Amino acid sequence: MDYVSALLPPVVMAVFFTFLVVTIVKSQGGPNKAKEDAIVDAAVARAEATQQVVRGD
C-alpha cells in the first residue's frame, strides 16, 4: 500500500499538467486570434509611446 501513496501525487500532477498543456494548445489560434493579437499590439504600442514620452524623444 505504500507504493500507492508514493505514486499517487506524481501521477495526479502529471495528469493535471497534461490537461493544462492540452488546454493551452487548444486555446491557441482559432476565431479570437486576430482580436487577441490586436489587443497585444495595442498594448505594446501604448507602452512604447509612453516610454518615448518619458525619455522626451
Protein backbone atom coordinates (compact mmCIF):
# COMPACT_ATOMS: atom_id res chain seq x y z
CA MET A 1 0.00 0.00 0.00
CA ASP A 2 2.98 2.32 0.48
CA TYR A 3 3.72 2.28 -3.23
CA VAL A 4 0.22 3.63 -3.98
CA SER A 5 0.67 6.59 -1.64
CA ALA A 6 4.15 7.19 -3.07
CA LEU A 7 2.99 7.15 -6.71
CA LEU A 8 -0.31 8.99 -6.35
CA PRO A 9 0.99 12.62 -6.11
CA PRO A 10 3.26 12.39 -9.19
CA VAL A 11 0.52 10.71 -11.21
CA VAL A 12 -2.02 13.37 -10.21
CA MET A 13 0.43 16.15 -11.09
CA ALA A 14 1.23 14.51 -14.44
CA VAL A 15 -2.46 14.23 -15.34
CA PHE A 16 -3.07 17.85 -14.32
CA PHE A 17 -0.06 19.05 -16.31
CA THR A 18 -1.21 17.09 -19.36
CA PHE A 19 -4.67 18.67 -19.22
CA LEU A 20 -3.08 22.10 -18.75
CA VAL A 21 -0.89 21.68 -21.83
CA VAL A 22 -3.80 20.37 -23.91
CA THR A 23 -5.93 23.35 -22.85
CA ILE A 24 -3.19 25.83 -23.73
CA VAL A 25 -2.61 24.24 -27.13
CA LYS A 26 -6.33 24.15 -27.94
CA SER A 27 -6.77 27.81 -27.00
CA GLN A 28 -4.08 28.96 -29.42
CA GLY A 29 -5.36 30.34 -32.70
CA GLY A 30 -8.98 30.00 -33.61
CA PRO A 31 -11.51 32.75 -34.22
CA ASN A 32 -10.26 35.01 -31.42
CA LYS A 33 -6.62 35.01 -32.55
CA ALA A 34 -6.90 38.24 -34.57
CA LYS A 35 -8.65 40.00 -31.69
CA GLU A 36 -6.06 38.83 -29.17
CA ASP A 37 -3.21 39.88 -31.48
CA ALA A 38 -4.76 43.33 -31.92
CA ILE A 39 -5.05 43.78 -28.15
CA VAL A 40 -1.41 42.81 -27.63
CA ASP A 41 -0.25 45.06 -30.47
CA ALA A 42 -2.19 48.00 -29.00
CA ALA A 43 -0.70 47.40 -25.55
CA VAL A 44 2.83 47.24 -26.96
CA ALA A 45 2.31 50.42 -28.98
CA ARG A 46 0.92 52.20 -25.91
CA ALA A 47 3.89 51.09 -23.81
CA GLU A 48 6.36 52.23 -26.47
CA ALA A 49 4.64 55.61 -26.80
CA THR A 50 4.70 56.10 -23.03
CA GLN A 51 8.37 55.17 -22.91
CA GLN A 52 9.21 57.72 -25.62
CA VAL A 53 7.31 60.48 -23.81
CA VAL A 54 9.11 59.74 -20.54
CA ARG A 55 12.51 59.91 -22.26
CA GLY A 56 11.50 63.09 -24.08
CA ASP A 57 12.15 61.83 -27.61
